[in-house]
Amino acid sequence: MADSPSAEYSLDEDGLRTLLRATAPQLADLPLRLFAEGWDNAMWCLGADLVVRLPRRALAVPLIANEQRALPEIGPALAVLGIRTPIPVFAGAPNDVFPRPWSVIPWIDGSNALTSSRVENSSWAPRLAEALRALHAPAPDDAPLNPVRGRELATRDGAMRPRLDALPPRSALRDAWTAGLAAAPNCERVWIHGDLHPGNILVHEASLAALIDFGDVTVGDPAYDLASAWMLFDAPGREVFRAATGPRYDDATWVRARAWAAYLALVLLTQSDDRPDHLAVGQSTAAELDAD
């Protein structure tokens, strides 16, 4: 139902070298190879320790701009904790060769948390809690505002209803969503990652190494990021994770977080036809909510 979209524009290797020669000539002769093409961006390995990140469709253009705006501000706070982020080493501006923003970012060693178990992930639950406490800092007035992520739950109720209506009358997902709608609303204006699923978390040597893909970074409700607890950890791991956040988040925030986890589970269950790894995350997240 939701296959990855075709590229609306792209550069081949020759075109990318032309772009680099015109804008970053010191990088233009490094080895170059296509590494991956996701929904939004093409990724080219550049030399041994850099990656070129190019938007492959119009909807991705503001995501690159968001990263260029936000990561130099929020990345250093995570770096102090030893957690890396893809802060651009070169922020490419639109030009005649490629009239859209693009970035050169550092290569970060690690494998994404889609490849590790919930028990394994739970060993670094306190480290993620520390990272989110640092990330969820007050955001400036010009911070990006995502139209969907981290908003009040009620703004997504219309999108949730058809999915909820397809569930049995008694459902943990339905109950979580209903409780979230009834919880006290968010009053904070803080940075949030905005897409903190297991594919955007890198693990190296059995520890949290990096948070990546900040295209959906936004001002919003920290509960949206805290929903990752149901996507990543088993029940004991979630308890450790919540305890490690200390008094930073009140009970209503955790109720909203559980509701966002239900929302994300249903999105992954209904929009992952060509991504079995994401479908598996949706299934396991729904199971964790049901088991709570």
Protein backbone atom coordinates (compact mmCIF):
# COMPACT_ATOMS: atom_id res chain seq x y z
CA MET A 1 0.00 0.00 0.00
CA ALA A 2 2.88 2.39 0.71
CA ASP A 3 5.79 1.43 -1.51
CA SER A 4 8.80 3.72 -1.47
CA PRO A 5 8.19 6.63 -3.86
CA SER A 6 10.17 7.00 -7.06
CA ALA A 7 12.87 9.66 -7.18
CA GLU A 8 11.62 12.94 -8.59
CA TYR A 9 15.17 14.15 -9.22
CA SER A 10 18.62 12.73 -8.73
CA LEU A 11 22.28 13.03 -9.63
CA ASP A 12 24.49 10.28 -10.99
CA GLU A 13 28.14 10.05 -10.00
CA ASP A 14 29.30 12.46 -12.69
CA GLY A 15 26.64 14.97 -11.73
CA LEU A 16 27.52 14.73 -8.06
CA ARG A 17 31.22 15.27 -8.80
CA THR A 18 30.29 18.32 -10.84
CA LEU A 19 28.31 19.60 -7.86
CA LEU A 20 31.22 18.99 -5.49
CA ARG A 21 33.72 20.67 -7.81
CA ALA A 22 31.49 23.73 -7.99
CA THR A 23 30.85 24.02 -4.26
CA ALA A 24 33.33 21.96 -2.22
CA PRO A 25 36.35 21.36 -4.48
CA GLN A 26 38.41 20.04 -1.58
CA LEU A 27 36.07 17.03 -1.51
CA ALA A 28 35.50 16.52 -5.23
CA ASP A 29 38.19 13.90 -5.89
CA LEU A 30 37.42 11.59 -2.96
CA PRO A 31 36.10 8.08 -3.74
CA LEU A 32 32.34 8.15 -4.27
CA ARG A 33 29.71 5.39 -4.31
CA LEU A 34 25.95 5.22 -3.88
CA PHE A 35 25.22 3.79 -0.45
CA ALA A 36 21.44 3.89 -0.10
CA GLU A 37 18.22 5.45 -1.37
CA GLY A 38 15.45 5.87 1.17
CA TRP A 39 12.01 7.39 0.87
CA ASP A 40 13.41 10.89 1.02
CA ASN A 41 17.16 10.99 0.42
CA ALA A 42 19.95 9.42 -1.59
CA MET A 43 23.13 8.75 0.37
CA TRP A 44 26.56 8.63 -1.27
CA CYS A 45 29.67 7.52 0.61
CA LEU A 46 32.39 10.13 0.08
CA GLY A 47 35.87 8.99 1.00
CA ALA A 48 36.27 6.97 4.19
CA ASP A 49 34.34 9.10 6.65
CA LEU A 50 31.80 11.32 4.88
CA VAL A 51 28.36 10.92 3.30
CA VAL A 52 26.58 13.16 0.79
CA ARG A 53 22.86 13.46 1.56
CA LEU A 54 20.70 14.56 -1.37
CA PRO A 55 16.91 14.97 -1.32
CA ARG A 56 15.32 12.71 -3.95
CA ARG A 57 11.83 14.24 -3.93
CA ALA A 58 10.25 17.61 -3.27
CA LEU A 59 8.83 16.65 0.11
CA ALA A 60 12.37 15.96 1.36
CA VAL A 61 13.77 19.39 0.54
CA PRO A 62 12.58 21.07 3.77
CA LEU A 63 13.87 18.07 5.74
CA ILE A 64 17.43 18.77 4.61
CA ALA A 65 16.95 22.45 5.44
CA ASN A 66 15.62 21.50 8.90
CA GLU A 67 18.73 19.43 9.63
CA GLN A 68 21.02 22.22 8.47
CA ARG A 69 19.16 24.65 10.75
CA ALA A 70 18.80 22.50 13.86
CA LEU A 71 21.74 20.10 14.15
CA PRO A 72 24.50 22.69 14.71
CA GLU A 73 22.44 23.91 17.67
CA ILE A 74 21.28 20.65 19.26
CA GLY A 75 24.04 18.24 18.19
CA PRO A 76 26.74 19.57 20.54
CA ALA A 77 24.61 18.88 23.63
CA LEU A 78 24.45 15.23 22.61
CA ALA A 79 28.12 15.13 21.67
CA VAL A 80 28.99 16.02 25.27
CA LEU A 81 27.33 12.72 26.21
CA GLY A 82 29.31 10.82 23.57
CA ILE A 83 26.25 10.45 21.33
CA ARG A 84 26.85 11.45 17.74
CA THR A 85 24.49 13.19 15.33
CA PRO A 86 24.95 13.92 11.60
CA ILE A 87 25.86 17.60 12.02
CA PRO A 88 26.63 18.78 8.47
CA VAL A 89 30.30 19.37 7.78
CA PHE A 90 29.20 21.15 4.61
CA ALA A 91 25.74 22.63 4.09
CA GLY A 92 25.14 22.76 0.35
CA ALA A 93 22.97 25.59 -0.93
CA PRO A 94 20.81 25.35 -4.07
CA ASN A 95 22.71 26.17 -7.27
CA ASP A 96 22.53 25.62 -11.02
CA VAL A 97 23.75 22.01 -10.77
CA PHE A 98 21.32 20.96 -8.02
CA PRO A 99 18.79 23.67 -7.16
CA ARG A 100 17.93 22.27 -3.71
CA PRO A 101 19.71 22.15 -0.34
CA TRP A 102 21.97 19.15 0.29
CA SER A 103 24.56 18.20 2.89
CA VAL A 104 27.83 16.45 3.49
CA ILE A 105 27.62 14.72 6.86
CA PRO A 106 29.99 12.48 8.84
CA TRP A 107 29.90 8.72 8.45
CA ILE A 108 28.93 7.20 11.81
CA ASP A 109 29.83 3.61 12.59
CA GLY A 110 27.06 1.38 13.90
CA SER A 111 24.04 -0.67 12.97
CA ASN A 112 20.50 0.51 13.43
CA ALA A 113 18.39 -0.78 16.27
CA LEU A 114 16.16 -2.67 13.83
CA THR A 115 18.81 -5.40 13.92
CA SER A 116 18.99 -5.81 17.72
CA SER A 117 16.52 -7.33 20.17
CA ARG A 118 14.46 -5.48 22.73
CA VAL A 119 16.46 -7.13 25.51
CA GLU A 120 19.72 -5.97 23.91
CA ASN A 121 18.35 -2.47 23.44
CA SER A 122 17.24 -2.27 27.06
CA SER A 123 20.87 -2.37 28.19
CA TRP A 124 21.28 1.19 26.90
CA ALA A 125 17.87 2.51 27.97
CA PRO A 126 19.43 4.88 30.56
CA ARG A 127 21.71 6.30 27.88
CA LEU A 128 18.77 7.11 25.61
CA ALA A 129 16.98 8.70 28.56
CA GLU A 130 20.01 10.93 29.13
CA ALA A 131 20.13 11.82 25.44
CA LEU A 132 16.48 12.84 25.35
CA ARG A 133 16.79 14.97 28.47
CA ALA A 134 19.57 16.85 26.67
CA LEU A 135 17.72 17.03 23.36
CA HIS A 136 14.42 18.26 24.83
CA ALA A 137 15.74 21.74 25.53
CA PRO A 138 13.81 24.98 24.91
CA ALA A 139 13.66 25.76 21.19
CA PRO A 140 14.03 29.23 19.64
CA ASP A 141 11.22 31.07 17.93
CA ASP A 142 12.53 30.23 14.45
CA ALA A 143 12.76 26.47 15.05
CA PRO A 144 10.98 24.29 12.46
CA LEU A 145 7.36 23.38 13.16
CA ASN A 146 6.27 20.01 11.78
CA PRO A 147 2.66 19.88 10.56
CA VAL A 148 2.12 16.38 11.98
CA ARG A 149 4.74 15.22 14.47
CA GLY A 150 4.73 16.27 18.09
CA ARG A 151 1.49 18.24 17.80
CA GLU A 152 -1.52 17.85 20.07
CA LEU A 153 -2.90 14.33 19.80
CA ALA A 154 -6.30 15.70 18.81
CA THR A 155 -4.81 17.00 15.55
CA ARG A 156 -4.21 13.37 14.48
CA ASP A 157 -7.50 11.94 15.70
CA GLY A 158 -9.11 12.15 12.27
CA ALA A 159 -6.25 10.18 10.72
CA MET A 160 -6.42 7.61 13.52
CA ARG A 161 -10.15 6.92 13.40
CA PRO A 162 -10.20 4.71 10.26
CA ARG A 163 -7.32 2.66 11.67
CA LEU A 164 -8.96 2.38 15.09
CA ASP A 165 -12.30 1.44 13.55
CA ALA A 166 -10.62 -1.59 11.97
CA LEU A 167 -9.57 -2.88 15.41
CA PRO A 168 -11.59 -5.10 17.76
CA PRO A 169 -13.83 -3.18 20.20
CA ARG A 170 -11.44 -3.93 23.06
CA SER A 171 -7.93 -3.01 22.01
CA ALA A 172 -4.85 -1.77 23.87
CA LEU A 173 -4.14 0.55 20.94
CA ARG A 174 -7.60 2.09 21.14
CA ASP A 175 -7.38 2.40 24.93
CA ALA A 176 -3.93 4.04 24.73
CA TRP A 177 -5.15 6.57 22.18
CA THR A 178 -8.29 7.40 24.16
CA ALA A 179 -6.28 7.90 27.36
CA GLY A 180 -3.83 10.15 25.54
CA LEU A 181 -6.61 12.36 24.21
CA ALA A 182 -7.95 12.75 27.77
CA ALA A 183 -4.54 13.54 29.30
CA ALA A 184 -3.41 17.04 30.14
CA PRO A 185 -2.00 18.70 27.00
CA ASN A 186 1.62 19.58 26.39
CA CYS A 187 2.75 23.00 27.62
CA GLU A 188 6.39 22.86 26.51
CA ARG A 189 8.13 24.35 23.50
CA VAL A 190 11.16 22.09 23.15
CA TRP A 191 13.24 20.50 20.42
CA ILE A 192 12.20 16.95 19.55
CA HIS A 193 13.74 14.51 17.10
CA GLY A 194 10.36 13.83 15.49
CA ASP A 195 11.17 10.42 13.96
CA LEU A 196 12.79 8.41 16.73
CA HIS A 197 12.10 4.87 15.53
CA PRO A 198 14.64 2.00 15.70
CA GLY A 199 15.90 2.67 12.18
CA ASN A 200 17.12 6.12 13.24
CA ILE A 201 19.09 4.93 16.25
CA LEU A 202 22.60 3.55 15.75
CA VAL A 203 24.14 1.01 18.09
CA HIS A 204 27.88 0.30 18.25
CA GLU A 205 29.54 -2.23 20.51
CA ALA A 206 26.23 -2.94 22.26
CA SER A 207 25.67 0.71 23.25
CA LEU A 208 23.76 3.67 21.89
CA ALA A 209 26.13 5.44 19.51
CA ALA A 210 24.10 7.98 17.55
CA LEU A 211 20.74 9.49 16.73
CA ILE A 212 20.39 10.08 12.99
CA ASP A 213 17.94 11.37 10.37
CA PHE A 214 16.77 14.63 11.93
CA GLY A 215 14.73 15.71 8.90
CA ASP A 216 11.56 15.84 10.99
CA VAL A 217 13.19 17.75 13.84
CA THR A 218 10.64 20.17 15.24
CA VAL A 219 9.30 22.07 18.18
CA GLY A 220 6.78 19.86 19.88
CA ASP A 221 5.60 17.56 22.62
CA PRO A 222 8.48 15.47 24.05
CA ALA A 223 5.97 12.65 24.43
CA TYR A 224 6.34 12.01 20.71
CA ASP A 225 9.99 10.99 21.18
CA LEU A 226 9.26 9.08 24.40
CA ALA A 227 6.96 6.79 22.40
CA SER A 228 10.17 5.12 21.24
CA ALA A 229 10.24 3.28 24.59
CA TRP A 230 7.50 0.95 23.30
CA MET A 231 9.26 0.58 19.94
CA LEU A 232 12.68 -0.27 21.38
CA PHE A 233 12.54 -1.89 24.81
CA ASP A 234 10.92 -4.77 26.64
CA ALA A 235 8.83 -4.06 29.75
CA PRO A 236 11.77 -4.09 32.20
CA GLY A 237 13.72 -1.86 29.82
CA ARG A 238 10.85 0.64 29.69
CA GLU A 239 10.80 0.77 33.48
CA VAL A 240 14.54 1.47 33.53
CA PHE A 241 14.14 4.06 30.78
CA ARG A 242 11.39 5.94 32.59
CA ALA A 243 13.24 5.82 35.89
CA ALA A 244 16.36 7.20 34.20
CA THR A 245 14.46 10.26 32.98
CA GLY A 246 13.86 11.18 36.62
CA PRO A 247 11.31 13.94 37.22
CA ARG A 248 11.83 15.47 33.76
CA TYR A 249 8.45 14.27 32.39
CA ASP A 250 5.16 14.24 34.29
CA ASP A 251 2.59 11.44 34.29
CA ALA A 252 0.48 13.10 31.59
CA THR A 253 3.49 13.18 29.26
CA TRP A 254 3.92 9.43 29.64
CA VAL A 255 0.22 8.85 28.95
CA ARG A 256 0.56 10.90 25.77
CA ALA A 257 3.75 8.99 24.92
CA ARG A 258 1.87 5.69 25.11
CA ALA A 259 -0.81 7.15 22.85
CA TRP A 260 1.81 8.23 20.32
CA ALA A 261 3.26 4.71 20.46
CA ALA A 262 -0.19 3.38 19.52
CA TYR A 263 -0.39 5.89 16.68
CA LEU A 264 3.04 4.93 15.33
CA ALA A 265 2.29 1.22 15.66
CA LEU A 266 -0.83 1.62 13.53
CA VAL A 267 0.99 3.74 10.94
CA LEU A 268 3.67 1.05 10.61
CA LEU A 269 1.07 -1.71 10.46
CA THR A 270 -0.80 -0.01 7.61
CA GLN A 271 1.98 1.72 5.64
CA SER A 272 4.90 -0.72 5.46
CA ASP A 273 4.07 -2.95 2.50
CA ASP A 274 7.60 -2.76 1.09
CA ARG A 275 9.41 -2.52 4.45
CA PRO A 276 9.03 -5.78 6.37
CA ASP A 277 11.44 -4.48 9.02
CA HIS A 278 9.14 -1.53 9.73
CA LEU A 279 6.09 -3.80 9.71
CA ALA A 280 7.80 -5.96 12.32
CA VAL A 281 8.36 -2.88 14.51
CA GLY A 282 4.65 -2.05 14.22
CA GLN A 283 3.67 -5.59 15.19
CA SER A 284 6.03 -5.77 18.14
CA THR A 285 5.07 -2.29 19.35
CA ALA A 286 1.40 -3.26 19.31
CA ALA A 287 2.28 -6.42 21.24
CA GLU A 288 4.19 -4.43 23.88
CA LEU A 289 1.24 -2.05 24.33
CA ASP A 290 -1.09 -5.00 24.67
CA ALA A 291 1.16 -6.60 27.29
CA ASP A 292 1.49 -3.48 29.48
